[in-house]
């Protein structure tokens, strides 16, 4: 399981457990939950509505850089004047309270589970991670939140305050390497916040990138 979203259903959002059940997947048999970063819309689904573990037998894997950032008391203290950031720090503390023993930190450019490699993609958060899933000659790139727009994917654009800070510091946008790889390898790309069907192939379009959606197949 990669980034299980929210646990509280709201419209089409937060229905991970219901969708797994509809697909015939027992959440109790999931043995690894991979988190791309520690924002609440990617972490809170590890808890069921009653606060219990949604995936009770799973190892919860988090990017080491993000874990160090969001669990730092010093960083949390600095964030108190920013309401959104203050809430993010508080959410990490609440979500992972009492289950630290189930958490495993992973590094970039490692096989974090069979056939799944973590890809360095900081910017959205300090430890934000994409994943490449390979099987035979096929590859799926889970771009996580490298960008949240599927119309045009700029090679050098700031999508959030943290990306603007990267640009001022001279750091490149993480999307360039991720999408260069996706375009070169003709990998299937999945975006968590892309519009339906949220999956396709990336093509270079001058200095930008373009997502070409795949034909939707309702059959699992």
N, C-alpha and C. Protein backbone atom coordinates (compact mmCIF):
# COMPACT_ATOMS: atom_id res chain seq x y z
N UNK A 1 0.84 -1.18 0.00
CA UNK A 1 0.00 0.00 0.00
C UNK A 1 0.89 1.24 0.00
N UNK A 2 0.60 2.17 -0.90
CA UNK A 2 1.35 3.43 -0.98
C UNK A 2 0.44 4.58 -0.61
N UNK A 3 0.81 5.33 0.42
CA UNK A 3 0.09 6.53 0.85
C UNK A 3 -1.43 6.33 0.89
N UNK A 4 -1.94 5.82 2.02
CA UNK A 4 -3.36 5.43 2.08
C UNK A 4 -4.36 6.57 2.27
N UNK A 5 -3.97 7.81 2.07
CA UNK A 5 -4.90 8.93 2.06
C UNK A 5 -5.51 9.15 3.44
N UNK A 6 -6.76 9.65 3.46
CA UNK A 6 -7.48 9.92 4.70
C UNK A 6 -8.23 8.67 5.15
N UNK A 7 -8.62 8.66 6.41
CA UNK A 7 -9.45 7.56 6.91
C UNK A 7 -10.91 7.95 7.01
N UNK A 8 -11.19 9.26 6.95
CA UNK A 8 -12.57 9.73 7.07
C UNK A 8 -13.15 10.00 5.69
N UNK A 9 -14.12 9.22 5.25
CA UNK A 9 -14.70 9.42 3.91
C UNK A 9 -15.34 10.79 3.76
N UNK A 10 -15.07 11.43 2.64
CA UNK A 10 -15.69 12.70 2.30
C UNK A 10 -15.83 12.73 0.79
N UNK A 11 -17.03 12.41 0.32
CA UNK A 11 -17.23 12.27 -1.12
C UNK A 11 -16.44 11.08 -1.62
N UNK A 12 -15.61 11.32 -2.64
CA UNK A 12 -14.80 10.24 -3.20
C UNK A 12 -13.46 10.09 -2.49
N UNK A 13 -13.21 10.95 -1.51
CA UNK A 13 -11.93 10.95 -0.80
C UNK A 13 -12.03 10.13 0.48
N UNK A 14 -10.94 9.51 0.88
CA UNK A 14 -10.89 8.80 2.15
C UNK A 14 -11.59 7.45 2.13
N UNK A 15 -11.65 6.82 0.99
CA UNK A 15 -12.37 5.54 0.87
C UNK A 15 -11.40 4.38 0.59
N UNK A 16 -10.20 4.50 1.07
CA UNK A 16 -9.21 3.45 0.81
C UNK A 16 -9.68 2.09 1.30
N UNK A 17 -10.11 2.01 2.55
CA UNK A 17 -10.52 0.73 3.11
C UNK A 17 -11.75 0.17 2.40
N UNK A 18 -12.70 1.06 2.08
CA UNK A 18 -13.90 0.60 1.36
C UNK A 18 -13.54 0.10 -0.03
N UNK A 19 -12.63 0.79 -0.70
CA UNK A 19 -12.24 0.38 -2.05
C UNK A 19 -11.44 -0.92 -2.03
N UNK A 20 -10.60 -1.09 -1.02
CA UNK A 20 -9.87 -2.35 -0.90
C UNK A 20 -10.85 -3.51 -0.70
N UNK A 21 -11.84 -3.30 0.18
CA UNK A 21 -12.83 -4.35 0.43
C UNK A 21 -13.61 -4.68 -0.83
N UNK A 22 -13.97 -3.65 -1.62
CA UNK A 22 -14.72 -3.87 -2.85
C UNK A 22 -13.88 -4.65 -3.86
N UNK A 23 -12.54 -4.49 -3.79
CA UNK A 23 -11.65 -5.21 -4.70
C UNK A 23 -11.27 -6.58 -4.15
N UNK A 24 -11.79 -6.92 -2.99
CA UNK A 24 -11.51 -8.23 -2.41
C UNK A 24 -10.17 -8.32 -1.69
N UNK A 25 -9.63 -7.16 -1.28
CA UNK A 25 -8.34 -7.13 -0.60
C UNK A 25 -8.56 -6.97 0.90
N UNK A 26 -7.99 -7.87 1.68
CA UNK A 26 -8.08 -7.82 3.13
C UNK A 26 -7.00 -6.90 3.67
N UNK A 27 -7.38 -5.78 4.30
CA UNK A 27 -6.41 -4.82 4.81
C UNK A 27 -5.47 -5.47 5.83
N UNK A 28 -5.95 -6.50 6.51
CA UNK A 28 -5.13 -7.19 7.49
C UNK A 28 -3.99 -7.98 6.88
N UNK A 29 -4.05 -8.23 5.58
CA UNK A 29 -3.01 -9.00 4.90
C UNK A 29 -1.97 -8.10 4.23
N UNK A 30 -2.16 -6.80 4.29
CA UNK A 30 -1.17 -5.88 3.74
C UNK A 30 -0.01 -5.80 4.71
N UNK A 31 1.20 -6.07 4.22
CA UNK A 31 2.35 -6.16 5.13
C UNK A 31 3.27 -4.95 5.09
N UNK A 32 3.11 -4.07 4.09
CA UNK A 32 3.93 -2.86 4.02
C UNK A 32 3.06 -1.69 3.59
N UNK A 33 3.18 -0.57 4.32
CA UNK A 33 2.56 0.69 3.92
C UNK A 33 3.69 1.68 3.68
N UNK A 34 3.81 2.13 2.43
CA UNK A 34 4.85 3.08 2.05
C UNK A 34 4.28 4.49 2.04
N UNK A 35 4.89 5.38 2.81
CA UNK A 35 4.46 6.78 2.81
C UNK A 35 5.47 7.60 2.02
N UNK A 36 4.97 8.40 1.10
CA UNK A 36 5.84 9.22 0.25
C UNK A 36 6.33 10.46 0.99
N UNK A 37 5.51 10.96 1.91
CA UNK A 37 5.85 12.12 2.74
C UNK A 37 4.82 12.18 3.85
N UNK A 38 5.00 13.10 4.79
CA UNK A 38 4.20 13.05 6.00
C UNK A 38 3.14 14.15 6.09
N UNK A 39 2.57 14.54 4.98
CA UNK A 39 1.39 15.40 5.00
C UNK A 39 0.16 14.57 5.36
N UNK A 40 -0.83 15.18 6.02
CA UNK A 40 -1.97 14.41 6.55
C UNK A 40 -2.78 13.66 5.50
N UNK A 41 -2.86 14.18 4.26
CA UNK A 41 -3.64 13.49 3.25
C UNK A 41 -2.93 12.25 2.71
N UNK A 42 -1.73 11.99 3.23
CA UNK A 42 -1.01 10.77 2.85
C UNK A 42 -0.74 9.85 4.03
N UNK A 43 -0.84 10.38 5.24
CA UNK A 43 -0.53 9.58 6.43
C UNK A 43 -1.74 9.14 7.23
N UNK A 44 -2.78 9.97 7.25
CA UNK A 44 -3.86 9.73 8.21
C UNK A 44 -4.63 8.45 7.95
N UNK A 45 -4.51 7.90 6.76
CA UNK A 45 -5.20 6.65 6.44
C UNK A 45 -4.58 5.43 7.09
N UNK A 46 -3.45 5.59 7.79
CA UNK A 46 -2.91 4.44 8.52
C UNK A 46 -3.75 4.15 9.77
N UNK A 47 -4.62 5.11 10.11
CA UNK A 47 -5.53 4.94 11.24
C UNK A 47 -6.96 4.79 10.73
N UNK A 48 -7.71 3.89 11.35
CA UNK A 48 -9.14 3.77 11.06
C UNK A 48 -9.88 4.89 11.80
N UNK A 49 -11.18 5.01 11.55
CA UNK A 49 -11.95 6.09 12.16
C UNK A 49 -11.93 6.02 13.69
N UNK A 50 -11.83 4.82 14.25
CA UNK A 50 -11.81 4.69 15.71
C UNK A 50 -10.42 4.85 16.30
N UNK A 51 -9.44 5.19 15.46
CA UNK A 51 -8.08 5.40 15.94
C UNK A 51 -7.20 4.17 15.92
N UNK A 52 -7.79 3.01 15.65
CA UNK A 52 -7.00 1.78 15.56
C UNK A 52 -6.20 1.78 14.26
N UNK A 53 -5.29 0.82 14.13
CA UNK A 53 -4.49 0.73 12.92
C UNK A 53 -5.33 0.16 11.78
N UNK A 54 -5.35 0.87 10.67
CA UNK A 54 -6.12 0.40 9.51
C UNK A 54 -5.47 -0.82 8.87
N UNK A 55 -4.14 -0.92 9.02
CA UNK A 55 -3.39 -2.05 8.46
C UNK A 55 -2.58 -2.65 9.61
N UNK A 56 -3.23 -3.42 10.46
CA UNK A 56 -2.64 -3.83 11.75
C UNK A 56 -1.38 -4.67 11.64
N UNK A 57 -1.18 -5.33 10.52
CA UNK A 57 -0.03 -6.21 10.38
C UNK A 57 1.05 -5.64 9.47
N UNK A 58 0.93 -4.37 9.15
CA UNK A 58 1.84 -3.76 8.18
C UNK A 58 3.00 -3.03 8.86
N UNK A 59 4.14 -3.12 8.23
CA UNK A 59 5.28 -2.26 8.56
C UNK A 59 5.04 -0.92 7.90
N UNK A 60 5.16 0.17 8.65
CA UNK A 60 4.92 1.51 8.10
C UNK A 60 6.27 2.13 7.76
N UNK A 61 6.49 2.37 6.48
CA UNK A 61 7.79 2.86 6.02
C UNK A 61 7.69 4.34 5.65
N UNK A 62 8.60 5.13 6.22
CA UNK A 62 8.59 6.58 6.03
C UNK A 62 9.95 7.04 5.52
N UNK A 63 9.98 8.12 4.71
CA UNK A 63 11.28 8.65 4.27
C UNK A 63 12.04 9.23 5.45
N UNK A 64 13.29 8.82 5.61
CA UNK A 64 14.07 9.23 6.79
C UNK A 64 14.21 10.75 6.88
N UNK A 65 14.36 11.42 5.75
CA UNK A 65 14.54 12.88 5.76
C UNK A 65 13.26 13.56 6.26
N UNK A 66 12.11 13.10 5.79
CA UNK A 66 10.85 13.68 6.24
C UNK A 66 10.61 13.38 7.72
N UNK A 67 10.91 12.15 8.14
CA UNK A 67 10.71 11.78 9.55
C UNK A 67 11.54 12.68 10.46
N UNK A 68 12.79 12.90 10.08
CA UNK A 68 13.66 13.75 10.89
C UNK A 68 13.12 15.18 10.96
N UNK A 69 12.58 15.67 9.85
CA UNK A 69 12.07 17.04 9.81
C UNK A 69 10.81 17.20 10.66
N UNK A 70 9.82 16.32 10.44
CA UNK A 70 8.51 16.50 11.07
C UNK A 70 8.46 16.04 12.52
N UNK A 71 9.44 15.26 12.97
CA UNK A 71 9.45 14.84 14.37
C UNK A 71 10.41 15.68 15.21
N UNK A 72 10.99 16.71 14.61
CA UNK A 72 11.93 17.57 15.31
C UNK A 72 11.18 18.59 16.17
N UNK A 73 11.43 18.59 17.46
CA UNK A 73 10.82 19.57 18.35
C UNK A 73 11.28 20.98 18.00
N UNK A 74 12.52 21.09 17.57
CA UNK A 74 13.05 22.40 17.18
C UNK A 74 12.30 22.95 15.97
N UNK A 75 12.08 22.10 14.96
CA UNK A 75 11.35 22.55 13.77
C UNK A 75 9.90 22.88 14.13
N UNK A 76 9.29 22.08 15.00
CA UNK A 76 7.91 22.33 15.41
C UNK A 76 7.79 23.67 16.12
N UNK A 77 8.77 24.00 16.95
CA UNK A 77 8.74 25.27 17.67
C UNK A 77 8.83 26.46 16.71
N UNK A 78 9.64 26.31 15.68
CA UNK A 78 9.79 27.38 14.69
C UNK A 78 8.52 27.57 13.87
N UNK A 79 7.67 26.54 13.82
CA UNK A 79 6.48 26.59 12.96
C UNK A 79 5.25 27.14 13.65
N UNK A 80 5.36 27.50 14.91
CA UNK A 80 4.17 27.87 15.68
C UNK A 80 3.47 29.13 15.16
N UNK A 81 4.19 29.97 14.44
CA UNK A 81 3.58 31.20 13.91
C UNK A 81 2.86 30.97 12.59
N UNK A 82 3.04 29.79 12.01
CA UNK A 82 2.38 29.44 10.74
C UNK A 82 1.34 28.38 11.03
N UNK A 83 0.07 28.74 10.93
CA UNK A 83 -1.01 27.85 11.37
C UNK A 83 -1.00 26.52 10.62
N UNK A 84 -0.80 26.57 9.31
CA UNK A 84 -0.81 25.34 8.53
C UNK A 84 0.35 24.43 8.93
N UNK A 85 1.54 24.99 9.03
CA UNK A 85 2.70 24.18 9.41
C UNK A 85 2.57 23.67 10.84
N UNK A 86 2.04 24.49 11.72
CA UNK A 86 1.83 24.07 13.11
C UNK A 86 0.92 22.86 13.16
N UNK A 87 -0.14 22.89 12.35
CA UNK A 87 -1.08 21.76 12.31
C UNK A 87 -0.43 20.52 11.71
N UNK A 88 0.44 20.70 10.72
CA UNK A 88 1.14 19.56 10.12
C UNK A 88 2.00 18.85 11.17
N UNK A 89 2.76 19.62 11.93
CA UNK A 89 3.61 19.02 12.96
C UNK A 89 2.76 18.31 14.01
N UNK A 90 1.66 18.94 14.42
CA UNK A 90 0.80 18.33 15.42
C UNK A 90 0.17 17.04 14.89
N UNK A 91 -0.16 17.03 13.61
CA UNK A 91 -0.79 15.85 13.02
C UNK A 91 0.18 14.66 12.99
N UNK A 92 1.44 14.91 12.65
CA UNK A 92 2.43 13.83 12.65
C UNK A 92 2.56 13.25 14.06
N UNK A 93 2.63 14.12 15.06
CA UNK A 93 2.77 13.66 16.44
C UNK A 93 1.57 12.81 16.85
N UNK A 94 0.38 13.25 16.49
CA UNK A 94 -0.85 12.53 16.85
C UNK A 94 -0.96 11.21 16.09
N UNK A 95 -0.71 11.25 14.80
CA UNK A 95 -0.90 10.06 13.95
C UNK A 95 0.02 8.92 14.35
N UNK A 96 1.27 9.24 14.70
CA UNK A 96 2.25 8.19 14.95
C UNK A 96 2.44 7.89 16.45
N UNK A 97 1.67 8.57 17.28
CA UNK A 97 1.82 8.36 18.72
C UNK A 97 1.52 6.91 19.09
N UNK A 98 2.47 6.28 19.78
CA UNK A 98 2.28 4.92 20.27
C UNK A 98 2.57 3.82 19.27
N UNK A 99 2.88 4.18 18.03
CA UNK A 99 3.14 3.14 17.03
C UNK A 99 4.54 3.30 16.42
N UNK A 100 5.40 3.99 17.13
CA UNK A 100 6.75 4.22 16.62
C UNK A 100 7.48 2.91 16.34
N UNK A 101 7.17 1.87 17.09
CA UNK A 101 7.85 0.58 16.89
C UNK A 101 7.50 -0.08 15.56
N UNK A 102 6.40 0.36 14.94
CA UNK A 102 5.98 -0.20 13.66
C UNK A 102 6.56 0.59 12.48
N UNK A 103 7.24 1.69 12.80
CA UNK A 103 7.76 2.59 11.77
C UNK A 103 9.19 2.22 11.41
N UNK A 104 9.44 2.11 10.10
CA UNK A 104 10.79 1.90 9.58
C UNK A 104 11.13 3.06 8.66
N UNK A 105 12.28 3.65 8.86
CA UNK A 105 12.72 4.75 8.00
C UNK A 105 13.49 4.18 6.80
N UNK A 106 13.24 4.77 5.64
CA UNK A 106 13.97 4.35 4.44
C UNK A 106 14.70 5.53 3.82
N UNK A 107 15.72 5.22 3.05
CA UNK A 107 16.51 6.23 2.35
C UNK A 107 16.16 6.22 0.87
N UNK A 108 16.60 7.25 0.16
CA UNK A 108 16.36 7.35 -1.28
C UNK A 108 17.25 6.39 -2.07
N UNK A 109 16.76 6.08 -3.27
CA UNK A 109 17.51 5.24 -4.21
C UNK A 109 17.80 3.86 -3.66
N UNK A 110 16.85 3.34 -2.90
CA UNK A 110 16.95 2.00 -2.34
C UNK A 110 15.70 1.19 -2.73
N UNK A 111 15.86 -0.13 -2.79
CA UNK A 111 14.69 -0.98 -2.97
C UNK A 111 14.01 -1.10 -1.60
N UNK A 112 12.86 -0.45 -1.45
CA UNK A 112 12.20 -0.39 -0.14
C UNK A 112 11.24 -1.55 0.06
N UNK A 113 10.87 -2.19 -1.02
CA UNK A 113 10.04 -3.41 -1.00
C UNK A 113 10.33 -4.11 -2.32
N UNK A 114 10.05 -5.39 -2.42
CA UNK A 114 10.38 -6.11 -3.66
C UNK A 114 9.84 -5.42 -4.91
N UNK A 115 10.75 -5.01 -5.80
CA UNK A 115 10.36 -4.36 -7.05
C UNK A 115 10.05 -2.88 -6.93
N UNK A 116 10.18 -2.29 -5.74
CA UNK A 116 9.83 -0.88 -5.53
C UNK A 116 11.07 -0.11 -5.07
N UNK A 117 11.44 0.92 -5.85
CA UNK A 117 12.60 1.73 -5.54
C UNK A 117 12.18 3.15 -5.19
N UNK A 118 12.75 3.68 -4.11
CA UNK A 118 12.46 5.06 -3.71
C UNK A 118 13.27 6.03 -4.57
N UNK A 119 12.63 7.14 -4.96
CA UNK A 119 13.28 8.13 -5.82
C UNK A 119 13.29 9.48 -5.11
N UNK A 120 14.45 10.07 -5.02
CA UNK A 120 14.61 11.38 -4.38
C UNK A 120 13.81 12.44 -5.13
N UNK A 121 12.88 13.09 -4.43
CA UNK A 121 12.07 14.13 -5.06
C UNK A 121 11.67 15.19 -4.04
N UNK A 122 12.64 15.80 -3.33
CA UNK A 122 12.30 16.79 -2.32
C UNK A 122 11.76 18.07 -2.94
N UNK A 123 11.11 18.86 -2.11
CA UNK A 123 10.53 20.12 -2.57
C UNK A 123 9.18 20.32 -1.95
N UNK A 124 8.25 19.43 -2.25
CA UNK A 124 6.92 19.49 -1.65
C UNK A 124 7.04 19.38 -0.13
N UNK A 125 7.89 18.49 0.32
CA UNK A 125 8.39 18.42 1.70
C UNK A 125 9.87 18.09 1.60
N UNK A 126 10.62 18.27 2.69
CA UNK A 126 12.06 18.01 2.61
C UNK A 126 12.41 16.58 2.20
N UNK A 127 11.59 15.62 2.60
CA UNK A 127 11.89 14.23 2.29
C UNK A 127 10.94 13.60 1.29
N UNK A 128 10.23 14.43 0.55
CA UNK A 128 9.24 13.92 -0.40
C UNK A 128 9.87 12.91 -1.36
N UNK A 129 9.14 11.82 -1.60
CA UNK A 129 9.68 10.69 -2.34
C UNK A 129 8.71 10.21 -3.41
N UNK A 130 9.23 9.87 -4.57
CA UNK A 130 8.48 9.18 -5.61
C UNK A 130 8.91 7.71 -5.60
N UNK A 131 8.18 6.87 -6.31
CA UNK A 131 8.51 5.44 -6.32
C UNK A 131 8.46 4.89 -7.74
N UNK A 132 9.39 4.04 -8.06
CA UNK A 132 9.37 3.29 -9.33
C UNK A 132 9.05 1.84 -9.00
N UNK A 133 7.99 1.33 -9.60
CA UNK A 133 7.59 -0.06 -9.40
C UNK A 133 7.86 -0.81 -10.70
N UNK A 134 8.73 -1.81 -10.63
CA UNK A 134 9.15 -2.53 -11.84
C UNK A 134 8.76 -3.99 -11.76
N UNK A 135 8.31 -4.50 -12.90
CA UNK A 135 8.01 -5.93 -13.04
C UNK A 135 8.33 -6.32 -14.47
N UNK A 136 9.38 -7.13 -14.63
CA UNK A 136 9.81 -7.48 -15.99
C UNK A 136 10.25 -6.23 -16.73
N UNK A 137 9.68 -6.02 -17.92
CA UNK A 137 10.02 -4.85 -18.72
C UNK A 137 9.09 -3.67 -18.48
N UNK A 138 8.15 -3.82 -17.56
CA UNK A 138 7.17 -2.77 -17.30
C UNK A 138 7.56 -1.97 -16.06
N UNK A 139 7.25 -0.68 -16.09
CA UNK A 139 7.55 0.19 -14.96
C UNK A 139 6.40 1.18 -14.75
N UNK A 140 6.03 1.36 -13.50
CA UNK A 140 5.07 2.38 -13.10
C UNK A 140 5.79 3.36 -12.20
N UNK A 141 5.64 4.64 -12.48
CA UNK A 141 6.23 5.68 -11.67
C UNK A 141 5.13 6.34 -10.85
N UNK A 142 5.18 6.16 -9.55
CA UNK A 142 4.26 6.87 -8.65
C UNK A 142 4.93 8.18 -8.30
N UNK A 143 4.47 9.27 -8.91
CA UNK A 143 5.16 10.55 -8.74
C UNK A 143 4.76 11.25 -7.44
N UNK A 144 3.85 10.66 -6.71
CA UNK A 144 3.40 11.22 -5.43
C UNK A 144 2.92 12.65 -5.65
N UNK A 145 3.52 13.63 -4.95
CA UNK A 145 3.09 15.03 -5.11
C UNK A 145 4.18 15.89 -5.72
N UNK A 146 4.97 15.32 -6.64
CA UNK A 146 5.99 16.13 -7.32
C UNK A 146 5.31 17.34 -7.94
N UNK A 147 4.19 17.13 -8.58
CA UNK A 147 3.31 18.21 -8.99
C UNK A 147 1.88 17.72 -8.78
N UNK A 148 0.96 18.65 -8.66
CA UNK A 148 -0.44 18.27 -8.44
C UNK A 148 -1.31 18.60 -9.64
N UNK A 149 -0.66 18.92 -10.74
CA UNK A 149 -1.40 19.31 -11.94
C UNK A 149 -1.06 18.36 -13.09
N UNK A 150 -2.08 17.92 -13.80
CA UNK A 150 -1.83 16.97 -14.88
C UNK A 150 -1.93 17.61 -16.27
N UNK A 151 -2.35 18.88 -16.36
CA UNK A 151 -2.49 19.49 -17.68
C UNK A 151 -1.12 19.73 -18.31
N UNK A 152 -0.32 20.56 -17.64
CA UNK A 152 1.02 20.86 -18.09
C UNK A 152 1.94 20.72 -16.88
N UNK A 153 3.04 20.02 -17.04
CA UNK A 153 3.98 19.79 -15.95
C UNK A 153 5.25 20.58 -16.24
N UNK A 154 5.40 21.78 -15.68
CA UNK A 154 6.56 22.61 -16.02
C UNK A 154 7.86 21.99 -15.55
N UNK A 155 8.90 22.17 -16.36
CA UNK A 155 10.20 21.63 -16.00
C UNK A 155 10.82 22.42 -14.84
N UNK A 156 10.52 23.70 -14.76
CA UNK A 156 11.06 24.52 -13.67
C UNK A 156 9.95 25.43 -13.17
N UNK A 157 9.19 24.98 -12.20
CA UNK A 157 8.15 25.85 -11.65
C UNK A 157 8.03 25.63 -10.17
N UNK A 158 7.62 26.67 -9.44
CA UNK A 158 7.38 26.51 -8.01
C UNK A 158 5.91 26.28 -7.77
N UNK A 159 5.57 25.21 -7.09
CA UNK A 159 4.17 24.89 -6.87
C UNK A 159 3.77 25.14 -5.43
N UNK A 160 4.72 25.44 -4.58
CA UNK A 160 4.41 25.69 -3.17
C UNK A 160 5.55 26.50 -2.58
N UNK A 161 5.32 26.99 -1.35
CA UNK A 161 6.32 27.84 -0.73
C UNK A 161 7.66 27.12 -0.60
N UNK A 162 7.61 25.83 -0.32
CA UNK A 162 8.87 25.10 -0.14
C UNK A 162 9.63 25.03 -1.46
N UNK A 163 8.92 24.96 -2.60
CA UNK A 163 9.59 24.93 -3.89
C UNK A 163 10.17 26.29 -4.22
N UNK A 164 9.48 27.36 -3.80
CA UNK A 164 10.02 28.69 -4.03
C UNK A 164 11.33 28.87 -3.25
N UNK A 165 11.38 28.31 -2.04
CA UNK A 165 12.61 28.39 -1.27
C UNK A 165 13.73 27.65 -1.97
N UNK A 166 13.40 26.48 -2.59
CA UNK A 166 14.42 25.73 -3.33
C UNK A 166 14.95 26.57 -4.48
N UNK A 167 14.05 27.30 -5.16
CA UNK A 167 14.47 28.07 -6.32
C UNK A 167 15.40 29.21 -5.89
N UNK A 168 15.05 29.87 -4.76
CA UNK A 168 15.89 30.96 -4.27
C UNK A 168 17.27 30.46 -3.85
N UNK A 169 17.32 29.21 -3.36
CA UNK A 169 18.59 28.65 -2.90
C UNK A 169 19.41 28.08 -4.05
N UNK A 170 18.81 28.07 -5.26
CA UNK A 170 19.53 27.55 -6.42
C UNK A 170 19.28 26.09 -6.68
N UNK A 171 18.43 25.45 -5.88
CA UNK A 171 18.14 24.03 -6.09
C UNK A 171 17.14 23.87 -7.22
N UNK A 172 17.34 22.87 -8.03
CA UNK A 172 16.44 22.63 -9.16
C UNK A 172 15.13 22.02 -8.72
N UNK A 173 14.11 22.17 -9.54
CA UNK A 173 12.81 21.57 -9.26
C UNK A 173 12.93 20.05 -9.40
N UNK A 174 12.43 19.28 -8.41
CA UNK A 174 12.58 17.82 -8.49
C UNK A 174 11.83 17.19 -9.64
N UNK A 175 10.86 17.92 -10.21
CA UNK A 175 10.08 17.33 -11.30
C UNK A 175 10.92 17.04 -12.53
N UNK A 176 11.99 17.84 -12.74
CA UNK A 176 12.74 17.70 -13.99
C UNK A 176 13.35 16.31 -14.12
N UNK A 177 14.06 15.86 -13.08
CA UNK A 177 14.67 14.53 -13.15
C UNK A 177 13.62 13.44 -13.21
N UNK A 178 12.56 13.58 -12.41
CA UNK A 178 11.52 12.56 -12.37
C UNK A 178 10.85 12.43 -13.73
N UNK A 179 10.50 13.57 -14.35
CA UNK A 179 9.76 13.51 -15.61
C UNK A 179 10.67 13.23 -16.79
N UNK A 180 11.93 13.64 -16.71
CA UNK A 180 12.87 13.23 -17.75
C UNK A 180 12.97 11.72 -17.79
N UNK A 181 13.05 11.10 -16.61
CA UNK A 181 13.13 9.64 -16.54
C UNK A 181 11.85 9.01 -17.06
N UNK A 182 10.70 9.56 -16.66
CA UNK A 182 9.42 9.00 -17.08
C UNK A 182 9.26 9.08 -18.59
N UNK A 183 9.66 10.22 -19.18
CA UNK A 183 9.53 10.39 -20.63
C UNK A 183 10.49 9.46 -21.37
N UNK A 184 11.72 9.37 -20.89
CA UNK A 184 12.73 8.55 -21.57
C UNK A 184 12.38 7.07 -21.53
N UNK A 185 11.85 6.62 -20.39
CA UNK A 185 11.55 5.20 -20.22
C UNK A 185 10.12 4.84 -20.60
N UNK A 186 9.34 5.86 -21.01
CA UNK A 186 7.94 5.65 -21.38
C UNK A 186 7.19 4.93 -20.26
N UNK A 187 7.52 5.31 -19.04
CA UNK A 187 6.88 4.69 -17.88
C UNK A 187 5.46 5.20 -17.70
N UNK A 188 4.62 4.37 -17.18
CA UNK A 188 3.29 4.79 -16.78
C UNK A 188 3.41 5.61 -15.51
N UNK A 189 2.76 6.77 -15.48
CA UNK A 189 2.89 7.70 -14.35
C UNK A 189 1.56 7.81 -13.62
N UNK A 190 1.62 7.72 -12.29
CA UNK A 190 0.44 7.86 -11.44
C UNK A 190 0.62 9.10 -10.59
N UNK A 191 -0.38 9.97 -10.56
CA UNK A 191 -0.34 11.18 -9.73
C UNK A 191 -1.48 11.18 -8.73
N UNK A 192 -1.17 11.35 -7.47
CA UNK A 192 -2.21 11.29 -6.43
C UNK A 192 -3.27 12.36 -6.60
N UNK A 193 -2.88 13.54 -7.07
CA UNK A 193 -3.82 14.65 -7.17
C UNK A 193 -4.18 14.98 -8.62
N UNK A 194 -3.78 14.14 -9.55
CA UNK A 194 -4.14 14.35 -10.94
C UNK A 194 -5.65 14.17 -11.11
N UNK A 195 -6.19 14.80 -12.13
CA UNK A 195 -7.59 14.59 -12.45
C UNK A 195 -7.78 13.19 -13.03
N UNK A 196 -9.01 12.68 -12.94
CA UNK A 196 -9.34 11.35 -13.44
C UNK A 196 -8.88 11.19 -14.90
N UNK A 197 -8.25 10.07 -15.27
CA UNK A 197 -8.06 8.85 -14.51
C UNK A 197 -6.78 8.80 -13.68
N UNK A 198 -6.06 9.91 -13.59
CA UNK A 198 -4.88 10.04 -12.72
C UNK A 198 -3.69 9.17 -13.14
N UNK A 199 -3.70 8.71 -14.34
CA UNK A 199 -2.63 7.82 -14.80
C UNK A 199 -2.41 8.03 -16.29
N UNK A 200 -1.16 7.94 -16.72
CA UNK A 200 -0.87 8.15 -18.15
C UNK A 200 0.61 8.07 -18.41
N UNK A 201 1.04 8.69 -19.51
CA UNK A 201 2.45 8.73 -19.89
C UNK A 201 2.87 10.18 -20.06
N UNK A 202 4.11 10.47 -19.74
CA UNK A 202 4.63 11.83 -19.83
C UNK A 202 5.41 11.99 -21.13
N UNK A 203 5.14 13.11 -21.82
CA UNK A 203 5.88 13.46 -23.03
C UNK A 203 6.52 14.82 -22.85
N UNK A 204 7.72 15.01 -23.42
CA UNK A 204 8.32 16.34 -23.43
C UNK A 204 7.53 17.20 -24.41
N UNK A 205 7.30 18.46 -24.00
CA UNK A 205 6.56 19.42 -24.82
C UNK A 205 7.35 20.73 -24.77
N UNK A 206 8.40 20.80 -25.58
CA UNK A 206 9.29 21.95 -25.51
C UNK A 206 10.04 21.93 -24.19
N UNK A 207 9.92 23.03 -23.43
CA UNK A 207 10.57 23.12 -22.13
C UNK A 207 9.69 22.57 -21.02
N UNK A 208 8.54 22.01 -21.41
CA UNK A 208 7.59 21.52 -20.42
C UNK A 208 7.34 20.03 -20.63
N UNK A 209 6.43 19.50 -19.82
CA UNK A 209 6.02 18.11 -19.93
C UNK A 209 4.51 18.05 -20.05
N UNK A 210 4.04 17.03 -20.69
CA UNK A 210 2.60 16.88 -20.89
C UNK A 210 2.20 15.46 -20.50
N UNK A 211 1.11 15.34 -19.75
CA UNK A 211 0.60 14.03 -19.39
C UNK A 211 -0.43 13.58 -20.42
N UNK A 212 -0.21 12.41 -21.01
CA UNK A 212 -1.16 11.82 -21.95
C UNK A 212 -1.91 10.71 -21.20
N UNK A 213 -3.18 10.96 -20.84
CA UNK A 213 -3.91 9.96 -20.04
C UNK A 213 -4.10 8.66 -20.80
N UNK A 214 -4.11 7.56 -20.06
CA UNK A 214 -4.41 6.28 -20.69
C UNK A 214 -5.91 6.13 -20.84
N UNK A 215 -6.33 5.20 -21.69
CA UNK A 215 -7.75 4.89 -21.83
C UNK A 215 -8.20 4.19 -20.54
N UNK A 216 -9.30 4.62 -19.98
CA UNK A 216 -9.77 4.08 -18.71
C UNK A 216 -10.41 2.72 -18.88
N UNK A 217 -10.00 1.76 -18.05
CA UNK A 217 -10.58 0.43 -18.06
C UNK A 217 -11.17 0.15 -16.68
N UNK A 218 -12.48 -0.01 -16.57
CA UNK A 218 -13.10 -0.19 -15.24
C UNK A 218 -12.88 -1.58 -14.65
N UNK A 219 -12.30 -2.48 -15.41
CA UNK A 219 -12.10 -3.84 -14.92
C UNK A 219 -10.82 -3.93 -14.11
N UNK A 220 -10.90 -4.49 -12.91
CA UNK A 220 -9.72 -4.64 -12.06
C UNK A 220 -8.92 -5.87 -12.52
